[in-house]
Protein backbone atom coordinates (compact mmCIF):
# COMPACT_ATOMS: atom_id res chain seq x y z
CA UNK A 1 75.16 61.18 155.49
CA UNK A 2 75.07 64.93 154.84
CA UNK A 3 76.76 67.90 156.43
CA UNK A 4 76.24 71.53 155.47
CA UNK A 5 78.70 74.06 156.84
CA UNK A 6 77.80 76.07 159.93
CA UNK A 7 76.85 79.15 157.92
CA UNK A 8 73.74 77.39 156.62
CA UNK A 9 72.75 75.37 159.66
CA UNK A 10 70.54 78.20 160.89
CA UNK A 11 67.14 77.80 159.25
CA UNK A 12 66.77 81.57 158.76
CA UNK A 13 69.39 82.08 156.08
CA UNK A 14 69.19 82.28 152.30
CA UNK A 15 71.53 82.75 149.38
CA UNK A 16 71.51 86.12 147.63
CA UNK A 17 72.97 86.01 144.12
CA UNK A 18 73.74 88.81 141.69
CA UNK A 19 75.22 88.26 138.20
CA UNK A 20 76.19 91.16 135.96
CA UNK A 21 78.10 91.40 132.67
CA UNK A 22 81.62 92.80 132.53
CA UNK A 23 83.77 93.80 129.59
CA UNK A 24 86.50 91.17 129.87
CA UNK A 25 87.97 88.62 132.28
CA UNK A 26 90.55 86.85 130.14
CA UNK A 27 92.56 84.98 131.15
CA UNK A 28 90.65 83.10 133.84
CA UNK A 29 93.23 80.73 135.33
CA UNK A 30 95.60 83.45 136.65
CA UNK A 31 92.68 84.82 138.69
CA UNK A 32 92.06 81.50 140.48
CA UNK A 33 93.01 80.98 144.12
CA UNK A 34 96.47 79.32 144.05
CA UNK A 35 95.89 77.32 147.24
CA UNK A 36 92.22 76.40 146.90
CA UNK A 37 91.40 76.67 143.19
CA UNK A 38 87.82 76.26 142.00
CA UNK A 39 87.73 76.04 138.22
CA UNK A 40 85.88 74.49 135.30
CA UNK A 41 86.85 75.31 131.75
CA UNK A 42 87.42 74.12 128.20
CA UNK A 43 89.04 75.99 125.32
CA UNK A 44 89.63 79.00 127.55
CA UNK A 45 85.99 79.40 128.56
CA UNK A 46 84.28 78.45 131.81
CA UNK A 47 83.99 79.56 135.42
CA UNK A 48 86.36 80.26 138.31
CA UNK A 49 85.20 80.43 141.92
CA UNK A 50 86.79 82.42 144.73
CA UNK A 51 86.05 82.20 148.43
CA UNK A 52 83.50 79.87 149.98
CA UNK A 53 79.97 80.92 150.94
CA UNK A 54 78.97 77.42 151.98
CA UNK A 55 79.89 73.78 151.55
CA UNK A 56 77.72 70.67 151.39
CA UNK A 57 79.50 67.43 152.31
CA UNK A 58 78.01 63.97 151.83
CA UNK A 59 79.18 60.38 152.16
CA UNK A 60 77.89 56.88 151.51
CA UNK A 61 75.56 55.30 149.03
CA UNK A 62 73.18 58.29 148.94
CA UNK A 63 75.91 60.96 148.61
CA UNK A 64 74.63 62.36 145.29
CA UNK A 65 70.94 62.20 146.25
CA UNK A 66 71.62 63.83 149.61
CA UNK A 67 73.60 66.64 148.03
CA UNK A 68 70.90 67.14 145.39
CA UNK A 69 68.19 67.40 148.05
CA UNK A 70 70.07 70.08 150.00
CA UNK A 71 70.93 71.93 146.79
CA UNK A 72 67.31 71.93 145.59
CA UNK A 73 66.19 73.41 148.91
CA UNK A 74 68.90 76.09 148.84
CA UNK A 75 68.14 77.00 145.23
CA UNK A 76 64.40 77.25 145.86
CA UNK A 77 64.98 79.75 148.69
CA UNK A 78 67.67 81.76 146.89
CA UNK A 79 67.20 85.35 145.74
CA UNK A 80 68.78 85.39 142.26
CA UNK A 81 69.31 88.42 140.04
CA UNK A 82 70.92 87.09 136.84
CA UNK A 83 71.44 89.74 134.17
CA UNK A 84 73.40 87.53 131.76
CA UNK A 85 71.48 84.26 131.45
CA UNK A 86 74.18 81.92 130.13
CA UNK A 87 75.20 78.46 131.38
CA UNK A 88 77.29 79.11 134.49
CA UNK A 89 75.60 82.36 135.51
CA UNK A 90 73.35 82.90 138.52
CA UNK A 91 73.62 80.52 141.49
CA UNK A 92 76.25 77.82 140.93
CA UNK A 93 78.11 75.24 142.97
CA UNK A 94 81.28 73.34 142.05
CA UNK A 95 81.18 69.64 142.92
CA UNK A 96 83.24 66.48 143.20
CA UNK A 97 81.87 63.12 144.32
CA UNK A 98 83.67 60.03 145.57
CA UNK A 99 83.74 57.10 143.18
CA UNK A 100 82.64 54.36 145.58
CA UNK A 101 79.79 54.10 148.08
CA UNK A 102 82.20 52.92 150.77
CA UNK A 103 84.97 55.46 150.03
CA UNK A 104 86.50 57.32 152.96
CA UNK A 105 86.63 60.47 150.82
CA UNK A 106 83.87 63.04 151.28
CA UNK A 107 81.83 64.32 148.37
CA UNK A 108 81.37 68.09 148.14
CA UNK A 109 79.33 70.88 146.60
CA UNK A 110 81.02 74.26 147.12
CA UNK A 111 79.23 77.56 146.64
CA UNK A 112 81.86 80.30 146.17
CA UNK A 113 81.57 83.95 147.16
CA UNK A 114 82.62 85.17 143.73
CA UNK A 115 82.30 83.52 140.32
CA UNK A 116 84.14 84.81 137.24
CA UNK A 117 82.91 83.45 133.91
CA UNK A 118 83.44 83.56 130.16
CA UNK A 119 81.34 81.89 127.44
CA UNK A 120 80.52 82.67 123.81
CA UNK A 121 82.53 85.88 123.87
CA UNK A 122 80.73 87.26 126.94
CA UNK A 123 82.06 87.70 130.47
CA UNK A 124 80.35 88.06 133.83
CA UNK A 125 80.79 88.28 137.57
CA UNK A 126 78.50 86.60 140.10
CA UNK A 127 78.49 87.48 143.80
CA UNK A 128 76.91 85.03 146.23
CA UNK A 129 76.23 85.81 149.88
CA UNK A 130 74.41 84.06 152.71
CA UNK A 131 72.11 86.48 154.54
CA UNK A 132 69.83 86.13 157.53
CA UNK A 133 66.23 85.38 156.59
CA UNK A 134 63.95 87.76 158.53
CA UNK A 135 60.86 86.52 160.33
CA UNK A 136 57.68 86.79 158.28
CA UNK A 137 56.28 89.53 160.53
CA UNK A 138 59.50 91.53 160.22
CA UNK A 139 59.70 91.41 156.41
CA UNK A 140 59.39 94.74 154.66
CA UNK A 141 60.62 96.94 151.89
CA UNK A 142 64.11 97.05 153.38
CA UNK A 143 64.84 93.34 152.81
CA UNK A 144 66.10 93.69 149.25
CA UNK A 145 68.41 96.50 150.28
CA UNK A 146 70.01 94.34 152.97
CA UNK A 147 70.36 91.47 150.51
CA UNK A 148 72.01 93.67 147.87
CA UNK A 149 74.39 95.06 150.47
CA UNK A 150 75.33 91.57 151.63
CA UNK A 151 75.98 90.42 148.08
CA UNK A 152 78.15 93.46 147.35
CA UNK A 153 80.42 92.72 150.31
CA UNK A 154 81.92 89.69 148.53
CA UNK A 155 85.50 89.46 147.32
CA UNK A 156 86.84 91.94 144.80
CA UNK A 157 87.73 90.76 141.30
CA UNK A 158 91.42 89.79 141.43
CA UNK A 159 93.93 90.93 138.85
CA UNK A 160 95.64 88.11 136.91
CA UNK A 161 98.66 86.84 138.84
CA UNK A 162 102.03 86.49 137.11
CA UNK A 163 102.69 83.03 135.80
CA UNK A 164 105.03 80.90 137.88
CA UNK A 165 106.99 77.82 136.97
CA UNK A 166 105.30 74.44 137.21
CA UNK A 167 106.13 72.76 140.53
CA UNK A 168 108.11 69.54 140.35
CA UNK A 169 106.58 66.48 141.96
CA UNK A 170 108.39 63.17 141.86
CA UNK A 171 105.90 60.32 141.66
CA UNK A 172 106.35 56.74 142.82
CA UNK A 173 103.96 53.76 142.77
CA UNK A 174 101.38 53.82 145.54
CA UNK A 175 99.84 50.79 147.17
CA UNK A 176 99.95 48.76 143.94
CA UNK A 177 103.38 48.39 142.24
CA UNK A 178 103.49 47.60 138.51
CA UNK A 179 103.98 43.86 138.94
CA UNK A 180 100.98 43.64 141.26
CA UNK A 181 98.88 45.57 138.75
CA UNK A 182 99.78 43.08 136.01
CA UNK A 183 98.83 40.24 138.35
CA UNK A 184 95.48 41.93 139.00
CA UNK A 185 94.87 42.22 135.25
CA UNK A 186 95.64 38.51 134.82
CA UNK A 187 93.20 37.62 137.58
CA UNK A 188 90.54 39.86 136.03
CA UNK A 189 90.97 38.17 132.64
CA UNK A 190 90.65 34.78 134.33
CA UNK A 191 87.35 35.81 135.89
CA UNK A 192 86.09 37.28 132.63
CA UNK A 193 86.97 34.10 130.74
CA UNK A 194 85.16 32.17 133.47
CA UNK A 195 81.97 34.09 132.74
CA UNK A 196 81.87 36.07 136.01
CA UNK A 197 81.71 39.42 134.16
CA UNK A 198 82.35 40.96 130.73
CA UNK A 199 84.59 43.90 131.67
CA UNK A 200 86.22 45.49 134.68
CA UNK A 201 88.23 48.69 134.91
CA UNK A 202 91.39 48.43 137.02
CA UNK A 203 93.28 51.53 138.11
CA UNK A 204 96.72 52.34 139.48
CA UNK A 205 97.87 55.08 141.83
CA UNK A 206 101.05 57.17 141.89
CA UNK A 207 102.00 59.19 144.97
CA UNK A 208 104.19 62.28 145.34
CA UNK A 209 104.72 65.35 147.53
CA UNK A 210 103.93 68.97 146.64
CA UNK A 211 106.10 71.47 148.50
CA UNK A 212 105.09 74.72 146.79
CA UNK A 213 101.91 76.38 148.00
CA UNK A 214 101.42 78.51 144.89
CA UNK A 215 102.06 75.75 142.39
CA UNK A 216 98.55 74.54 141.59
CA UNK A 217 97.68 77.47 139.34
CA UNK A 218 100.71 76.75 137.16
CA UNK A 219 99.81 73.06 137.02
CA UNK A 220 96.25 73.85 135.94
CA UNK A 221 97.57 76.28 133.33
CA UNK A 222 99.80 73.54 131.91
CA UNK A 223 96.86 71.13 131.64
CA UNK A 224 94.71 73.76 129.91
CA UNK A 225 97.43 74.59 127.40
CA UNK A 226 98.37 71.00 126.62
CA UNK A 227 94.82 69.59 126.58
CA UNK A 228 92.51 72.44 125.48
CA UNK A 229 89.72 70.13 124.29
CA UNK A 230 89.27 68.48 127.69
CA UNK A 231 87.33 69.64 130.74
CA UNK A 232 90.01 71.20 132.94
CA UNK A 233 88.83 71.22 136.55
CA UNK A 234 89.88 72.06 140.10
CA UNK A 235 87.54 71.31 143.00
CA UNK A 236 88.59 70.90 146.63
CA UNK A 237 92.11 69.73 145.78
CA UNK A 238 91.03 67.50 142.87
CA UNK A 239 92.59 68.76 139.63
CA UNK A 240 92.72 67.27 136.18
CA UNK A 241 91.84 67.39 132.48
CA UNK A 242 89.06 64.96 131.58
CA UNK A 243 88.10 64.13 127.97
CA UNK A 244 84.88 62.37 129.05
CA UNK A 245 81.57 64.18 129.58
CA UNK A 246 79.48 62.27 132.09
CA UNK A 247 76.38 64.39 131.54
CA UNK A 248 75.48 67.93 130.48
CA UNK A 249 72.00 69.38 131.06
CA UNK A 250 70.92 72.68 129.51
CA UNK A 251 67.27 73.80 129.43
CA UNK A 252 65.79 70.36 128.92
CA UNK A 253 68.48 68.89 126.67
CA UNK A 254 70.99 66.28 127.78
CA UNK A 255 74.28 65.16 126.27
CA UNK A 256 77.11 62.80 127.18
CA UNK A 257 80.38 61.59 125.64
CA UNK A 258 81.42 57.99 126.18
CA UNK A 259 85.08 57.00 125.83
CA UNK A 260 86.43 53.46 125.85
CA UNK A 261 89.21 52.01 123.72
CA UNK A 262 92.62 53.64 123.62
CA UNK A 263 95.87 53.65 121.67
CA UNK A 264 99.01 55.77 121.67
CA UNK A 265 99.63 58.48 119.09
CA UNK A 266 102.03 57.64 116.28
CA UNK A 267 105.51 59.09 115.85
CA UNK A 268 104.68 60.72 112.50
CA UNK A 269 101.60 61.66 110.49
CA UNK A 270 101.37 58.35 108.62
CA UNK A 271 102.00 56.28 111.72
CA UNK A 272 99.50 58.37 113.68
CA UNK A 273 96.78 57.82 111.12
CA UNK A 274 97.53 54.09 111.01
CA UNK A 275 97.12 53.87 114.76
CA UNK A 276 93.76 55.67 114.61
CA UNK A 277 92.52 53.31 111.87
CA UNK A 278 93.78 50.28 113.79
CA UNK A 279 91.87 51.46 116.85
CA UNK A 280 88.61 51.70 114.91
CA UNK A 281 89.20 48.19 113.52
CA UNK A 282 90.27 46.59 116.81
CA UNK A 283 87.74 43.96 117.86
CA UNK A 284 88.95 44.20 121.47
CA UNK A 285 88.56 47.99 121.65
CA UNK A 286 85.23 48.06 119.81
CA UNK A 287 83.82 45.42 122.15
CA UNK A 288 84.99 47.37 125.20
CA UNK A 289 83.50 50.54 123.72
CA UNK A 290 80.16 48.91 122.92
CA UNK A 291 79.80 47.81 126.56
CA UNK A 292 80.41 51.36 127.76
CA UNK A 293 77.90 52.87 125.32
CA UNK A 294 75.23 50.30 126.15
CA UNK A 295 75.67 51.06 129.86
CA UNK A 296 75.31 54.81 129.34
CA UNK A 297 72.22 54.43 127.14
CA UNK A 298 70.60 52.06 129.64
CA UNK A 299 71.07 54.58 132.46
CA UNK A 300 70.03 57.70 130.54
CA UNK A 301 67.17 56.37 128.43
CA UNK A 302 64.56 56.15 131.24
CA UNK A 303 64.98 59.90 131.84
CA UNK A 304 64.67 61.03 128.23
CA UNK A 305 61.89 61.50 125.70
CA UNK A 306 64.47 60.94 122.98
CA UNK A 307 68.10 59.81 123.02
CA UNK A 308 70.32 59.59 119.93
CA UNK A 309 73.81 58.13 119.66
CA UNK A 310 76.56 58.58 117.09
CA UNK A 311 75.94 55.92 114.41
CA UNK A 312 79.51 54.65 114.72
CA UNK A 313 82.29 55.29 117.26
CA UNK A 314 84.64 58.05 116.16
CA UNK A 315 88.29 58.61 117.05
CA UNK A 316 88.95 61.40 119.51
CA UNK A 317 92.43 62.86 119.14
CA UNK A 318 94.31 64.02 122.22
CA UNK A 319 97.96 65.10 122.33
CA UNK A 320 99.17 61.77 123.74
CA UNK A 321 96.57 59.21 122.60
CA UNK A 322 93.51 58.28 120.55
CA UNK A 323 90.18 57.29 122.11
CA UNK A 324 87.14 55.63 120.62
CA UNK A 325 84.22 57.97 121.37
CA UNK A 326 80.45 58.07 121.04
CA UNK A 327 78.28 61.14 121.66
CA UNK A 328 74.80 60.82 123.13
CA UNK A 329 72.27 63.65 122.76
CA UNK A 330 68.65 63.78 123.81
CA UNK A 331 65.68 65.56 125.33
CA UNK A 332 64.76 65.12 128.96
CA UNK A 333 61.40 63.50 129.55
CA UNK A 334 61.00 63.59 133.32
CA UNK A 335 62.39 66.93 134.48
CA UNK A 336 65.58 65.42 135.90
CA UNK A 337 68.31 67.77 137.05
CA UNK A 338 71.99 67.35 136.25
CA UNK A 339 72.55 65.83 139.70
CA UNK A 340 69.66 63.40 139.17
CA UNK A 341 71.36 62.17 136.01
CA UNK A 342 74.77 62.06 137.68
CA UNK A 343 73.22 59.75 140.24
CA UNK A 344 71.59 57.61 137.54
CA UNK A 345 74.64 57.25 135.31
CA UNK A 346 77.55 56.96 137.76
CA UNK A 347 79.53 54.77 137.69
CA UNK A 348 79.60 54.10 133.96
CA UNK A 349 80.97 50.94 132.40
CA UNK A 350 83.84 53.08 131.09
CA UNK A 351 85.21 53.45 134.64
CA UNK A 352 83.68 50.45 136.46
CA UNK A 353 82.80 47.58 134.11
CA UNK A 354 79.91 45.31 133.13
CA UNK A 355 77.74 44.06 134.80
CA UNK A 356 78.11 47.06 137.09
CA UNK A 357 77.45 45.43 140.46
CA UNK A 358 79.83 42.53 139.81
CA UNK A 359 82.49 44.82 138.31
CA UNK A 360 82.43 47.13 141.33
CA UNK A 361 82.97 44.17 143.64
CA UNK A 362 85.83 42.81 141.54
CA UNK A 363 87.65 46.13 141.16
CA UNK A 364 87.34 46.82 144.90
CA UNK A 365 88.91 43.44 145.57
CA UNK A 366 91.70 43.61 142.97
CA UNK A 367 92.78 47.27 142.95
CA UNK A 368 94.02 47.44 146.52
CA UNK A 369 93.32 51.13 147.26
CA UNK A 370 90.48 53.62 147.75
CA UNK A 371 89.94 55.56 144.52
CA UNK A 372 88.67 58.58 146.44
CA UNK A 373 87.20 60.98 143.88
CA UNK A 374 89.11 59.50 140.94
CA UNK A 375 86.64 58.39 138.22
CA UNK A 376 83.83 60.04 140.17
CA UNK A 377 81.64 62.90 138.91
CA UNK A 378 83.20 66.38 138.87
CA UNK A 379 81.62 69.57 137.56
CA UNK A 380 79.07 72.24 138.43
CA UNK A 381 75.33 72.68 138.92
CA UNK A 382 73.21 75.82 138.83
CA UNK A 383 70.08 76.90 140.65
CA UNK A 384 67.81 75.50 137.92
CA UNK A 385 69.44 72.08 138.12
CA UNK A 386 71.37 72.49 134.84
CA UNK A 387 75.10 71.86 134.74
CA UNK A 388 78.12 70.16 133.24
CA UNK A 389 79.72 67.06 134.76
CA UNK A 390 82.73 65.07 133.63
CA UNK A 391 84.30 61.87 134.88
CA UNK A 392 87.36 62.75 136.98
CA UNK A 393 90.08 61.26 134.77
CA UNK A 394 93.70 62.32 134.05
CA UNK A 395 93.61 63.74 137.54
CA UNK A 396 95.22 63.98 140.95
CA UNK A 397 93.99 64.70 144.46
CA UNK A 398 96.16 67.03 146.53
CA UNK A 399 95.70 66.46 150.26
CA UNK A 400 96.02 69.16 152.91
CA UNK A 401 99.51 67.89 153.85
CA UNK A 402 100.75 68.21 150.24
CA UNK A 403 100.49 64.53 149.31
CA UNK A 404 99.55 64.12 145.65
CA UNK A 405 97.65 61.02 144.52
CA UNK A 406 97.53 60.58 140.72
CA UNK A 407 95.36 57.95 139.05
CA UNK A 408 94.97 56.08 135.77
CA UNK A 409 93.00 52.99 134.77
CA UNK A 410 92.19 50.63 131.88
CA UNK A 411 89.22 48.60 130.80
CA UNK A 412 90.00 44.89 131.07
CA UNK A 413 88.22 42.46 128.73
CA UNK A 414 88.78 38.83 127.82
CA UNK A 415 91.74 39.40 125.48
CA UNK A 416 93.54 42.03 127.56
CA UNK A 417 97.32 41.58 127.91
CA UNK A 418 98.70 42.62 131.32
CA UNK A 419 101.86 44.27 129.96
CA UNK A 420 99.83 46.24 127.40
CA UNK A 421 97.37 47.44 130.04
CA UNK A 422 100.24 48.55 132.27
CA UNK A 423 101.72 50.50 129.35
CA UNK A 424 98.31 52.11 128.73
CA UNK A 425 98.16 53.36 132.32
CA UNK A 426 101.60 54.93 131.87
CA UNK A 427 100.25 56.72 128.80
CA UNK A 428 97.21 57.95 130.73
CA UNK A 429 99.38 59.18 133.61
CA UNK A 430 101.28 61.49 131.26
CA UNK A 431 98.99 64.55 131.38
CA UNK A 432 99.00 64.89 135.16
CA UNK A 433 102.62 63.81 135.67
CA UNK A 434 103.84 66.31 133.06
CA UNK A 435 101.62 69.02 134.57
CA UNK A 436 103.62 68.58 137.76
CA UNK A 437 106.91 68.98 135.94
CA UNK A 438 107.52 65.30 135.30
């Protein structure tokens, strides 16, 4: 099911896009909308969206395909003047998709009125407007002038806002208390040992209340400072800092980063290094990681002319933990867009399990709550179909009434220990809980 906002329901409208370079836009986060932030960045570079020119909402099993179809039509009709030509310039939409086919959460692509961007030492501003498409017999030399005027009426570039304190949110267990989560892990191990499946990812939810309307910008700033090597994102109330690249498409190349296998950081340098080495030598973690990599390769390979993987998993260092990681890089072979690949790859074994169909059924039965957009695709797409998409991890969804749902999950395999998996979720909750003052 698809819904496009009223501004685009008239068939005689088109997007007019103008991107031009500017001297400097740093820092980006203080320019974001505090109540409805749209943001995608890593290491201080990325894009921020302001206002909303149009919104595409989809639900159900075809949510990604439906959104991609509408987006392709919009992009084909758009009038784009891009004078910068970097990833994130020209026509772009920010997106977040629900994890499950049956989720009650909507999936969205949001086209902002104004996009501020920084990449490779260059900065730009993009203005996007929706203008009435004249009848063919009324078209004339004046059309471009009307389009330029419409694009120039967008929002002004905001000055950076002063930094505020991080809002304090007190979190409590949601529908699944810790003891029930451990019981779910035990049941999952039983089914794995019985040969029903090889791996399933089980998540937990924490719930809190946000009472400060201007607090999200400070929370995002905290995530970006504490986790600079992650994808920091904010789309339609979903905010987080994900270390896992679902898929990135740029002029015919494709890349992905697969994470599975986790351990806590050590207390000192020697202990920290020992933990990293132990992770690389852990049969349990390597087996879990291999399943995730095989799943990603299986889903991407049909769309590529060539796909290479890191020869061995490497350890990815984050401030609070170590991950086993594998990078995939390749060349597209069938002209797929970023959204086409999002559809093909999601959900990965890293956030669902193996075999995928069985794992999805088991996690839906054992978790006890709707994941919403947690572990779903989040990112951006441009008018050419290129884009960057992460898996929505280390994240929270802020509802319109101020309710905050935070999420964390673990991959369960045959030798998983319930108490250890519960402790791992606590570790994975840390980034978002601390970003809310916890």
